[in-house]
Amino acid sequence: GHQDILASCWRFVDESSYTQPSRMWYKSVKLRSCWRCLMLCFRLLLAVASALMFAGCHSNCAAEEGSSTNVDNFGLTWVRIPGGTFQMGSNHGADDEKPVHSVTLSTFEMTATEVTVAQYRKCVDAGVCNVPYADGSYCNWGISDRNNYPVNCVDWNHATTYAKWVGGRLPTEAEWEYAARSGGRNHKYPWGNQTATCSYAVMEENGGRGCGRESTWPVCSKPAGNTSQGLCDMSGNVWEWVEDWYDSGYYKNSPSSNPIGPVSGSYRIARGGAFGMFMAVSREYYYDTLRTSNRASIIPSCGPNIYIFSLGFRCARDVR
């Protein structure tokens, strides 16, 4: 260890002065010993620096360790999210985000992107999934150039049916937040704490909905906003359904290990915000919806309405 290296440094210095048969011999030994001492001390400095770097990275970088991706037969890219413990919720958000509490999650996998129109169509063609609602200009279904856009205008039942068809499920609310925080980091947004702008997310800015396009964008169009594991669009583009029922006071009694939400309720939860202010009563509130800890409660079979334009999903699954 570090103490052994230091001891070696001093030992070689002492040995260099132990005997002095001749002045030239003394100089030679002294030079060799000092050189060895310097090299050992340099190794010590490297070891200390590495230890400090690891200590500083332990809470922020552990999520990347063991992360991996694979593509399945449905064309979905799955990202392995190593489990861990994190602080869920926010003291700076709405009341239903409080109290901040410790949650431990097992390792799981999540799709890198929101499910796209093309991916969802395969389930419809297989006779398993129902077509999305497509009675508005914001819905991507039925528009020829929207294959790589997130499938939106879907309710919770659309989402769960598809997730089961591909051998997965919807993420729990805790899994979603943990992944959005890049493995539980103390991040306000998936990309960090920088202010939400169209550089990071497909959102509504002064130019209008969808960064001025008045629509969603193809998935992964804003790579600067990705999580450290490479999950795209965890803020903006479309709200994402999760598995849990909604209870505004659930965090007060939530299990500390792998919580799955209340056993029943009237509303399901969506996370991540969307490309427009469909569910926001003010611009300030809209920016809040893009935060990693924000919670939205929505009727699971909401049908065609102004909210449905902004709803999509991604899948999760247990590690196999």
Protein backbone atom coordinates (compact mmCIF):
# COMPACT_ATOMS: atom_id res chain seq x y z
CA GLY A 1 0.00 0.00 0.00
CA HIS A 2 0.97 3.65 0.27
CA GLN A 3 2.78 3.12 3.59
CA ASP A 4 4.87 0.29 2.14
CA ILE A 5 5.97 2.48 -0.77
CA LEU A 6 6.94 5.31 1.58
CA ALA A 7 8.87 2.87 3.76
CA SER A 8 10.70 1.62 0.67
CA CYS A 9 11.63 5.17 -0.27
CA TRP A 10 13.19 5.80 3.13
CA ARG A 11 14.86 2.38 3.19
CA PHE A 12 16.66 3.02 -0.10
CA VAL A 13 17.79 6.44 1.06
CA ASP A 14 19.17 4.91 4.27
CA GLU A 15 20.91 2.11 2.36
CA SER A 16 22.58 4.64 0.08
CA SER A 17 24.37 6.17 3.05
CA TYR A 18 25.15 2.97 4.93
CA THR A 19 28.79 2.69 3.79
CA GLN A 20 31.09 4.82 1.75
CA PRO A 21 34.07 2.81 0.39
CA SER A 22 34.92 5.58 -2.10
CA ARG A 23 33.60 8.94 -3.18
CA MET A 24 32.81 7.75 -6.74
CA TRP A 25 31.07 4.62 -5.42
CA TYR A 26 29.08 6.77 -3.02
CA LYS A 27 27.94 9.08 -5.79
CA SER A 28 26.92 6.17 -8.02
CA VAL A 29 24.92 4.44 -5.28
CA LYS A 30 23.41 7.71 -4.19
CA LEU A 31 22.25 8.52 -7.72
CA ARG A 32 20.81 5.03 -8.27
CA SER A 33 19.08 5.03 -4.90
CA CYS A 34 17.62 8.48 -5.33
CA TRP A 35 16.37 7.52 -8.77
CA ARG A 36 14.66 4.43 -7.32
CA CYS A 37 13.27 6.57 -4.52
CA LEU A 38 11.87 9.08 -6.97
CA MET A 39 10.24 6.35 -9.04
CA LEU A 40 8.65 4.77 -5.98
CA CYS A 41 7.37 8.11 -4.75
CA PHE A 42 5.97 8.79 -8.22
CA ARG A 43 4.10 5.48 -7.98
CA LEU A 44 2.78 6.60 -4.61
CA LEU A 45 1.48 9.85 -6.07
CA LEU A 46 -0.25 7.95 -8.88
CA ALA A 47 -1.86 5.56 -6.40
CA VAL A 48 -3.12 8.45 -4.26
CA ALA A 49 -4.45 10.30 -7.31
CA SER A 50 -6.24 7.17 -8.52
CA ALA A 51 -7.79 6.63 -5.12
CA LEU A 52 -9.02 10.22 -5.00
CA MET A 53 -10.44 9.98 -8.49
CA PHE A 54 -12.26 6.77 -7.61
CA ALA A 55 -13.64 8.28 -4.42
CA GLY A 56 -14.95 11.31 -6.29
CA CYS A 57 -16.40 9.17 -9.03
CA HIS A 58 -17.89 6.47 -6.83
CA SER A 59 -21.31 8.08 -6.43
CA ASN A 60 -21.39 9.68 -9.86
CA CYS A 61 -19.78 7.12 -12.11
CA ALA A 62 -20.83 3.77 -10.70
CA ALA A 63 -23.82 3.69 -13.02
CA GLU A 64 -21.60 3.44 -16.09
CA GLU A 65 -19.77 0.41 -14.70
CA GLY A 66 -21.40 -2.67 -16.14
CA SER A 67 -23.68 -0.75 -18.50
CA SER A 68 -24.19 -2.51 -21.82
CA THR A 69 -26.59 -2.55 -24.75
CA ASN A 70 -28.15 -5.20 -26.95
CA VAL A 71 -30.68 -5.18 -29.78
CA ASP A 72 -33.51 -7.71 -29.76
CA ASN A 73 -35.61 -9.26 -32.53
CA PHE A 74 -38.17 -6.47 -32.24
CA GLY A 75 -35.59 -3.83 -33.13
CA LEU A 76 -35.44 -2.49 -29.58
CA THR A 77 -32.10 -1.43 -28.12
CA TRP A 78 -31.92 -2.43 -24.47
CA VAL A 79 -29.58 -0.71 -22.04
CA ARG A 80 -28.48 -2.46 -18.87
CA ILE A 81 -28.87 -0.18 -15.85
CA PRO A 82 -26.76 -1.44 -12.91
CA GLY A 83 -28.72 -1.35 -9.67
CA GLY A 84 -27.90 0.84 -6.72
CA THR A 85 -29.22 3.15 -4.05
CA PHE A 86 -30.27 6.74 -4.68
CA GLN A 87 -32.23 9.62 -3.21
CA MET A 88 -35.63 9.72 -4.90
CA GLY A 89 -37.79 12.82 -5.00
CA SER A 90 -36.98 16.50 -4.54
CA ASN A 91 -37.22 19.08 -1.80
CA HIS A 92 -37.57 21.75 -4.47
CA GLY A 93 -40.51 20.32 -6.38
CA ALA A 94 -44.20 19.73 -5.79
CA ASP A 95 -45.53 18.27 -2.57
CA ASP A 96 -45.94 14.82 -4.16
CA GLU A 97 -42.15 14.70 -4.73
CA LYS A 98 -41.55 14.83 -0.98
CA PRO A 99 -40.07 13.60 1.18
CA VAL A 100 -36.79 12.75 -0.47
CA HIS A 101 -36.18 9.12 0.45
CA SER A 102 -33.59 6.42 -0.09
CA VAL A 103 -34.46 3.74 -2.65
CA THR A 104 -32.44 0.67 -3.59
CA LEU A 105 -33.05 -0.95 -6.98
CA SER A 106 -31.92 -4.22 -8.53
CA THR A 107 -30.24 -4.17 -11.92
CA PHE A 108 -32.70 -3.86 -14.81
CA GLU A 109 -32.81 -3.02 -18.49
CA MET A 110 -34.57 -0.18 -20.27
CA THR A 111 -35.00 0.66 -23.94
CA ALA A 112 -32.63 3.37 -25.11
CA THR A 113 -35.42 5.22 -26.88
CA GLU A 114 -39.10 5.84 -26.61
CA VAL A 115 -40.96 3.20 -28.62
CA THR A 116 -41.23 4.42 -32.21
CA VAL A 117 -44.09 4.31 -34.68
CA ALA A 118 -42.32 1.61 -36.72
CA GLN A 119 -41.69 -0.55 -33.66
CA TYR A 120 -45.26 -0.23 -32.44
CA ARG A 121 -46.64 -1.01 -35.91
CA LYS A 122 -45.13 -4.50 -35.72
CA CYS A 123 -47.33 -5.22 -32.71
CA VAL A 124 -50.41 -3.89 -34.52
CA ASP A 125 -49.57 -5.98 -37.60
CA ALA A 126 -49.25 -9.03 -35.35
CA GLY A 127 -52.81 -8.48 -34.20
CA VAL A 128 -51.81 -7.86 -30.58
CA CYS A 129 -51.83 -4.09 -30.16
CA ASN A 130 -54.61 -1.65 -30.93
CA VAL A 131 -53.85 1.30 -33.16
CA PRO A 132 -53.14 4.57 -31.34
CA TYR A 133 -55.64 7.39 -31.31
CA ALA A 134 -55.00 9.37 -34.47
CA ASP A 135 -57.57 12.10 -34.54
CA GLY A 136 -55.28 15.10 -34.19
CA SER A 137 -52.51 16.79 -36.08
CA TYR A 138 -49.98 16.04 -33.34
CA CYS A 139 -50.41 12.26 -33.52
CA ASN A 140 -47.58 10.49 -35.38
CA TRP A 141 -49.55 7.38 -36.30
CA GLY A 142 -50.60 7.23 -39.95
CA ILE A 143 -48.13 9.88 -41.15
CA SER A 144 -45.79 8.39 -43.72
CA ASP A 145 -42.54 10.06 -42.64
CA ARG A 146 -42.92 9.44 -38.90
CA ASN A 147 -41.57 5.88 -38.58
CA ASN A 148 -38.69 6.96 -36.35
CA TYR A 149 -40.79 9.32 -34.26
CA PRO A 150 -42.08 8.24 -30.86
CA VAL A 151 -45.47 6.60 -31.04
CA ASN A 152 -47.77 8.99 -29.19
CA CYS A 153 -51.50 9.33 -28.69
CA VAL A 154 -51.40 6.10 -26.67
CA ASP A 155 -52.96 5.41 -23.30
CA TRP A 156 -51.58 3.23 -20.52
CA ASN A 157 -53.25 0.10 -21.90
CA HIS A 158 -51.65 0.56 -25.33
CA ALA A 159 -48.29 0.87 -23.62
CA THR A 160 -48.57 -2.16 -21.32
CA THR A 161 -49.87 -4.39 -24.11
CA TYR A 162 -46.89 -3.57 -26.30
CA ALA A 163 -44.39 -3.94 -23.43
CA LYS A 164 -45.69 -7.42 -22.61
CA TRP A 165 -45.61 -8.41 -26.29
CA VAL A 166 -41.86 -7.71 -26.50
CA GLY A 167 -41.22 -9.62 -23.28
CA GLY A 168 -40.94 -6.62 -21.02
CA ARG A 169 -43.06 -4.26 -18.96
CA LEU A 170 -43.31 -0.60 -18.22
CA PRO A 171 -40.62 0.71 -15.87
CA THR A 172 -41.59 1.35 -12.29
CA GLU A 173 -41.60 4.99 -11.29
CA ALA A 174 -38.48 4.43 -9.18
CA GLU A 175 -36.64 2.72 -12.05
CA TRP A 176 -37.58 5.54 -14.39
CA GLU A 177 -36.26 8.25 -12.07
CA TYR A 178 -33.09 6.30 -11.27
CA ALA A 179 -32.37 5.86 -14.99
CA ALA A 180 -33.23 9.49 -15.77
CA ARG A 181 -30.72 10.54 -13.11
CA SER A 182 -27.99 8.53 -14.88
CA GLY A 183 -28.02 5.84 -12.23
CA GLY A 184 -29.21 7.90 -9.30
CA ARG A 185 -27.08 11.02 -9.57
CA ASN A 186 -28.32 14.21 -7.99
CA HIS A 187 -29.35 15.65 -11.37
CA LYS A 188 -32.19 18.05 -11.99
CA TYR A 189 -32.39 16.91 -15.63
CA PRO A 190 -31.07 13.81 -17.41
CA TRP A 191 -28.11 15.77 -18.79
CA GLY A 192 -27.22 17.42 -15.47
CA ASN A 193 -28.22 20.71 -13.91
CA GLN A 194 -27.95 23.02 -16.90
CA THR A 195 -31.14 24.91 -17.74
CA ALA A 196 -33.53 23.04 -20.02
CA THR A 197 -33.32 24.34 -23.60
CA CYS A 198 -33.78 22.98 -27.10
CA SER A 199 -30.09 22.10 -27.07
CA TYR A 200 -30.96 19.25 -24.71
CA ALA A 201 -34.61 18.37 -25.22
CA VAL A 202 -37.50 18.48 -27.68
CA MET A 203 -39.56 21.02 -25.77
CA GLU A 204 -41.53 24.22 -26.02
CA GLU A 205 -39.46 27.36 -26.16
CA ASN A 206 -40.22 30.81 -27.48
CA GLY A 207 -40.31 29.47 -31.01
CA GLY A 208 -43.22 27.16 -30.21
CA ARG A 209 -43.88 23.52 -29.43
CA GLY A 210 -41.26 20.99 -30.42
CA CYS A 211 -38.53 23.63 -30.61
CA GLY A 212 -40.55 25.45 -33.27
CA ARG A 213 -41.58 22.43 -35.36
CA GLU A 214 -45.00 22.10 -33.68
CA SER A 215 -44.50 18.33 -33.37
CA THR A 216 -42.38 15.67 -31.75
CA TRP A 217 -38.97 14.90 -33.27
CA PRO A 218 -37.38 11.59 -34.30
CA VAL A 219 -36.10 9.76 -31.23
CA CYS A 220 -32.57 10.61 -30.10
CA SER A 221 -32.49 13.92 -31.97
CA LYS A 222 -30.97 15.66 -28.93
CA PRO A 223 -27.93 13.57 -27.92
CA ALA A 224 -26.61 16.34 -25.66
CA GLY A 225 -29.57 15.59 -23.42
CA ASN A 226 -28.88 11.85 -23.10
CA THR A 227 -28.19 10.19 -19.78
CA SER A 228 -24.68 8.88 -19.14
CA GLN A 229 -25.88 5.39 -20.17
CA GLY A 230 -27.20 6.73 -23.48
CA LEU A 231 -30.95 6.87 -22.80
CA CYS A 232 -32.53 9.40 -25.17
CA ASP A 233 -35.39 11.82 -24.60
CA MET A 234 -35.86 11.16 -20.90
CA SER A 235 -36.95 14.80 -20.81
CA GLY A 236 -39.19 16.17 -23.52
CA ASN A 237 -40.52 14.75 -26.78
CA VAL A 238 -43.34 12.74 -25.11
CA TRP A 239 -44.43 11.99 -21.57
CA GLU A 240 -43.65 8.37 -20.71
CA TRP A 241 -46.12 6.06 -19.01
CA VAL A 242 -44.73 4.07 -16.08
CA GLU A 243 -46.20 1.08 -14.29
CA ASP A 244 -47.27 2.65 -11.00
CA TRP A 245 -50.60 3.86 -9.76
CA TYR A 246 -50.46 7.42 -8.48
CA ASP A 247 -50.74 8.41 -4.83
CA SER A 248 -49.67 11.92 -3.87
CA GLY A 249 -48.51 10.72 -0.45
CA TYR A 250 -46.85 7.47 -1.51
CA TYR A 251 -43.30 8.67 -0.79
CA LYS A 252 -44.09 8.94 2.91
CA ASN A 253 -44.51 5.17 3.18
CA SER A 254 -42.73 3.87 0.10
CA PRO A 255 -40.69 0.66 0.53
CA SER A 256 -36.96 1.28 0.45
CA SER A 257 -36.24 -1.65 -1.89
CA ASN A 258 -37.67 -2.00 -5.41
CA PRO A 259 -40.93 -0.10 -4.80
CA ILE A 260 -43.73 -0.82 -7.29
CA GLY A 261 -46.26 1.81 -6.24
CA PRO A 262 -49.69 1.57 -4.63
CA VAL A 263 -51.80 -1.54 -5.17
CA SER A 264 -54.63 0.46 -6.74
CA GLY A 265 -55.71 3.93 -7.73
CA SER A 266 -57.56 6.08 -10.23
CA TYR A 267 -54.57 7.52 -12.05
CA ARG A 268 -51.34 6.15 -13.49
CA ILE A 269 -48.06 8.06 -13.55
CA ALA A 270 -46.24 9.60 -16.51
CA ARG A 271 -42.75 11.03 -16.39
CA GLY A 272 -40.41 13.28 -18.35
CA GLY A 273 -42.49 16.07 -19.85
CA ALA A 274 -43.27 16.58 -23.51
CA PHE A 275 -42.69 18.70 -26.60
CA GLY A 276 -45.42 21.16 -25.63
CA MET A 277 -47.27 22.71 -22.72
CA PHE A 278 -50.35 20.50 -23.05
CA MET A 279 -50.60 19.72 -19.34
CA ALA A 280 -48.92 22.87 -18.00
CA VAL A 281 -50.81 25.79 -16.53
CA SER A 282 -47.82 28.12 -16.83
CA ARG A 283 -44.41 28.25 -18.44
CA GLU A 284 -42.76 27.93 -15.04
CA TYR A 285 -44.76 24.80 -14.34
CA TYR A 286 -43.91 23.44 -17.80
CA TYR A 287 -40.18 23.68 -17.11
CA ASP A 288 -40.81 21.83 -13.86
CA THR A 289 -42.34 18.93 -15.80
CA LEU A 290 -39.00 18.30 -17.51
CA ARG A 291 -37.21 17.60 -14.22
CA THR A 292 -36.19 14.05 -13.35
CA SER A 293 -38.29 14.01 -10.17
CA ASN A 294 -41.53 15.49 -11.55
CA ARG A 295 -44.67 13.30 -11.39
CA ALA A 296 -47.80 13.56 -13.53
CA SER A 297 -51.03 11.71 -12.76
CA ILE A 298 -53.23 10.74 -15.71
CA ILE A 299 -56.31 8.58 -16.19
CA PRO A 300 -54.94 5.34 -17.71
CA SER A 301 -57.70 5.01 -20.33
CA CYS A 302 -57.70 8.69 -21.12
CA GLY A 303 -58.97 8.43 -24.71
CA PRO A 304 -58.55 11.14 -27.32
CA ASN A 305 -58.08 14.52 -25.64
CA ILE A 306 -55.63 17.37 -25.52
CA TYR A 307 -53.29 15.35 -23.27
CA ILE A 308 -53.08 12.26 -25.47
CA PHE A 309 -50.88 14.05 -28.03
CA SER A 310 -48.08 14.21 -25.51
CA LEU A 311 -48.14 10.60 -24.24
CA GLY A 312 -45.77 7.82 -25.25
CA PHE A 313 -43.63 5.25 -23.44
CA ARG A 314 -40.51 3.11 -23.30
CA CYS A 315 -40.08 -0.41 -21.98
CA ALA A 316 -38.17 -2.04 -19.14
CA ARG A 317 -37.46 -5.61 -18.15
CA ASP A 318 -35.77 -7.62 -15.45
CA VAL A 319 -32.22 -8.74 -16.12
CA ARG A 320 -32.14 -12.15 -17.75
